[in-house]
Amino acid sequence: MPESSAILEIEKPQFTVRLYEDKLKIDVRETARNEIEEALENKPFLRETIGRILNMFVPLHIRLCDIDSVNIEKSGNVKIRISHHRDVTIQLEPQEAQKLVEKLNQLIPEAKRKELERVMREAKVQKTAEEKLESGRAAAPYVLQSPAVESPRLDEDLEEAEDKEAQKKED
């Protein structure tokens, strides 16, 4: 699926912040990464480990539904609180910080609502599939069956379940 265009983009010499409808991306520019690697040039072990850490965490992509809160600190930095993760602090100009915080506070509730709807839909689908299995009907095509379940045996089980239901109705 093609990525939608950014709602807000802030470019700094060391990084770029891009806000999309469902996520926030913070990309460190190659020059900043090179500066860090050059600073560690005399220590190959540190350069290798920190370089790997940078590649793991940068670029940073944060789903808006995972953000607990966003605010501007007294220092002027934007502080993003994320559930079960370390907070993210972004140093921006006051106007940029204000604009980013306003946009995030507009988009976060909608992203949380969409995520809740998605989770509820998945739970409903899973519950329906489990009910079908329990009642003896064939599993829906989106439910994975274990390799131990074979079609002829499943057909026999279905016939037995239908016979039992018919017997219950007669009694």
Protein backbone atom coordinates (compact mmCIF):
# COMPACT_ATOMS: atom_id res chain seq x y z
CA MET A 1 0.00 0.00 0.00
CA PRO A 2 1.54 3.36 -0.96
CA GLU A 3 2.36 5.66 1.88
CA SER A 4 0.20 8.74 2.23
CA SER A 5 1.74 12.19 2.08
CA ALA A 6 2.91 13.84 5.28
CA ILE A 7 0.48 16.15 7.07
CA LEU A 8 3.38 18.04 8.64
CA GLU A 9 7.09 17.93 7.88
CA ILE A 10 9.82 19.64 9.90
CA GLU A 11 13.37 19.53 8.61
CA LYS A 12 16.33 20.20 10.85
CA PRO A 13 20.04 19.87 10.06
CA GLN A 14 20.34 16.60 12.02
CA PHE A 15 16.89 15.06 11.55
CA THR A 16 13.50 15.25 9.83
CA VAL A 17 10.14 14.89 11.56
CA ARG A 18 7.21 13.72 9.43
CA LEU A 19 3.67 13.47 10.76
CA TYR A 20 1.23 11.20 8.95
CA GLU A 21 -2.39 10.41 9.72
CA ASP A 22 -1.44 7.28 11.68
CA LYS A 23 2.25 7.64 12.60
CA LEU A 24 5.10 9.99 13.43
CA LYS A 25 8.47 9.38 11.77
CA ILE A 26 11.75 10.80 13.02
CA ASP A 27 14.59 10.23 10.58
CA VAL A 28 18.20 11.03 11.51
CA ARG A 29 20.06 12.46 8.57
CA GLU A 30 23.10 10.65 7.26
CA THR A 31 25.36 13.59 8.22
CA ALA A 32 24.36 13.30 11.89
CA ARG A 33 24.91 9.55 11.79
CA ASN A 34 28.32 10.10 10.18
CA GLU A 35 29.26 12.64 12.88
CA ILE A 36 28.49 10.09 15.58
CA GLU A 37 30.48 7.40 13.80
CA GLU A 38 33.43 9.80 13.28
CA ALA A 39 33.39 10.70 16.97
CA LEU A 40 33.72 7.01 17.75
CA GLU A 41 36.30 6.30 15.03
CA ASN A 42 39.15 5.61 17.48
CA LYS A 43 37.07 2.99 19.28
CA PRO A 44 36.03 0.36 16.70
CA PHE A 45 34.05 -1.68 19.24
CA LEU A 46 31.93 1.34 20.22
CA ARG A 47 31.54 2.41 16.60
CA GLU A 48 30.25 -1.06 15.68
CA THR A 49 27.85 -1.40 18.63
CA ILE A 50 26.51 2.16 18.55
CA GLY A 51 26.22 1.97 14.76
CA ARG A 52 24.09 -1.15 15.13
CA ILE A 53 21.99 0.49 17.81
CA LEU A 54 21.46 3.53 15.58
CA ASN A 55 20.39 1.31 12.69
CA MET A 56 17.91 -0.50 14.95
CA PHE A 57 16.22 2.60 16.35
CA VAL A 58 16.66 5.17 13.62
CA PRO A 59 14.49 6.00 11.80
CA LEU A 60 12.01 6.04 14.64
CA HIS A 61 8.42 5.29 13.63
CA ILE A 62 5.77 5.83 16.31
CA ARG A 63 2.17 4.78 15.77
CA LEU A 64 -0.09 7.60 16.97
CA CYS A 65 -2.35 5.13 18.78
CA ASP A 66 0.64 4.20 21.01
CA ILE A 67 1.21 7.78 22.20
CA ASP A 68 -0.13 8.52 25.69
CA SER A 69 0.45 12.28 25.66
CA VAL A 70 2.36 15.08 23.96
CA ASN A 71 3.38 18.37 25.49
CA ILE A 72 5.95 21.14 25.35
CA GLU A 73 8.37 21.19 28.26
CA LYS A 74 9.59 24.38 29.92
CA SER A 75 12.82 24.01 27.95
CA GLY A 76 10.78 24.17 24.72
CA ASN A 77 11.34 20.53 23.77
CA VAL A 78 8.44 18.40 22.61
CA LYS A 79 7.97 15.45 24.97
CA ILE A 80 6.10 12.40 23.66
CA ARG A 81 5.02 9.83 26.24
CA ILE A 82 4.66 6.33 24.81
CA SER A 83 3.13 3.35 26.58
CA HIS A 84 5.69 0.76 27.69
CA HIS A 85 8.58 2.64 26.06
CA ARG A 86 10.96 5.42 26.90
CA ASP A 87 9.68 8.89 26.24
CA VAL A 88 10.83 10.67 23.10
CA THR A 89 12.07 14.26 23.30
CA ILE A 90 12.39 16.38 20.16
CA GLN A 91 14.21 19.70 20.21
CA LEU A 92 12.40 22.16 17.92
CA GLU A 93 11.87 25.88 17.53
CA PRO A 94 8.91 27.18 19.61
CA GLN A 95 6.64 27.71 16.58
CA GLU A 96 7.46 24.26 15.17
CA ALA A 97 6.95 22.63 18.56
CA GLN A 98 3.57 24.29 19.01
CA LYS A 99 2.42 23.30 15.53
CA LEU A 100 3.55 19.67 15.99
CA VAL A 101 1.89 19.35 19.41
CA GLU A 102 -1.39 20.82 18.12
CA LYS A 103 -1.47 18.47 15.13
CA LEU A 104 -0.58 15.45 17.26
CA ASN A 105 -3.28 16.28 19.81
CA GLN A 106 -5.79 16.48 16.94
CA LEU A 107 -4.74 13.19 15.33
CA ILE A 108 -4.07 10.97 18.38
CA PRO A 109 -7.71 10.54 19.53
CA GLU A 110 -8.78 9.51 16.02
CA ALA A 111 -5.86 7.06 15.72
CA LYS A 112 -6.76 5.55 19.10
CA ARG A 113 -10.41 5.21 18.05
CA LYS A 114 -9.44 3.47 14.80
CA GLU A 115 -7.09 1.10 16.63
CA LEU A 116 -9.80 0.24 19.17
CA GLU A 117 -12.24 -0.49 16.33
CA ARG A 118 -9.65 -2.69 14.63
CA VAL A 119 -9.00 -4.65 17.83
CA MET A 120 -12.73 -5.05 18.47
CA ARG A 121 -13.28 -6.28 14.88
CA GLU A 122 -10.50 -8.82 15.23
CA ALA A 123 -11.89 -10.04 18.57
CA LYS A 124 -15.35 -10.40 17.05
CA VAL A 125 -14.01 -12.36 14.07
CA GLN A 126 -12.01 -14.61 16.40
CA LYS A 127 -15.03 -15.17 18.67
CA THR A 128 -17.23 -16.03 15.67
CA ALA A 129 -14.62 -18.48 14.39
CA GLU A 130 -14.34 -20.12 17.82
CA GLU A 131 -18.12 -20.39 18.11
CA LYS A 132 -18.30 -22.05 14.70
CA LEU A 133 -15.66 -24.55 15.72
CA GLU A 134 -17.41 -25.27 19.03
CA SER A 135 -20.78 -25.78 17.36
CA GLY A 136 -19.25 -28.29 14.97
CA ARG A 137 -19.48 -26.25 11.82
CA ALA A 138 -16.49 -25.91 9.53
CA ALA A 139 -13.99 -23.24 10.42
CA ALA A 140 -14.10 -20.00 8.50
CA PRO A 141 -11.48 -19.67 5.76
CA TYR A 142 -9.53 -17.05 7.78
CA VAL A 143 -8.98 -19.42 10.72
CA LEU A 144 -5.91 -21.58 10.45
CA GLN A 145 -6.48 -25.28 11.04
CA SER A 146 -3.82 -27.47 12.54
CA PRO A 147 -2.26 -30.05 10.19
CA ALA A 148 -3.71 -32.81 12.42
CA VAL A 149 -7.23 -31.95 11.24
CA GLU A 150 -7.94 -33.79 8.03
CA SER A 151 -10.92 -33.09 5.79
CA PRO A 152 -12.47 -36.61 5.87
CA ARG A 153 -12.31 -36.67 9.65
CA LEU A 154 -13.75 -33.14 9.82
CA ASP A 155 -16.66 -34.23 7.62
CA GLU A 156 -17.33 -37.20 9.93
CA ASP A 157 -17.24 -34.89 12.97
CA LEU A 158 -19.67 -32.55 11.26
CA GLU A 159 -22.05 -35.39 10.47
CA GLU A 160 -21.88 -36.59 14.09
CA ALA A 161 -22.58 -33.07 15.36
CA GLU A 162 -25.55 -32.70 13.00
CA ASP A 163 -26.90 -36.10 14.10
CA LYS A 164 -26.61 -35.09 17.77
CA GLU A 165 -28.41 -31.79 17.08
CA ALA A 166 -31.19 -33.64 15.23
CA GLN A 167 -31.51 -36.11 18.11
CA LYS A 168 -31.76 -33.26 20.64
CA LYS A 169 -34.53 -31.65 18.60
CA GLU A 170 -36.46 -34.95 18.50
CA ASP A 171 -36.26 -35.38 22.30
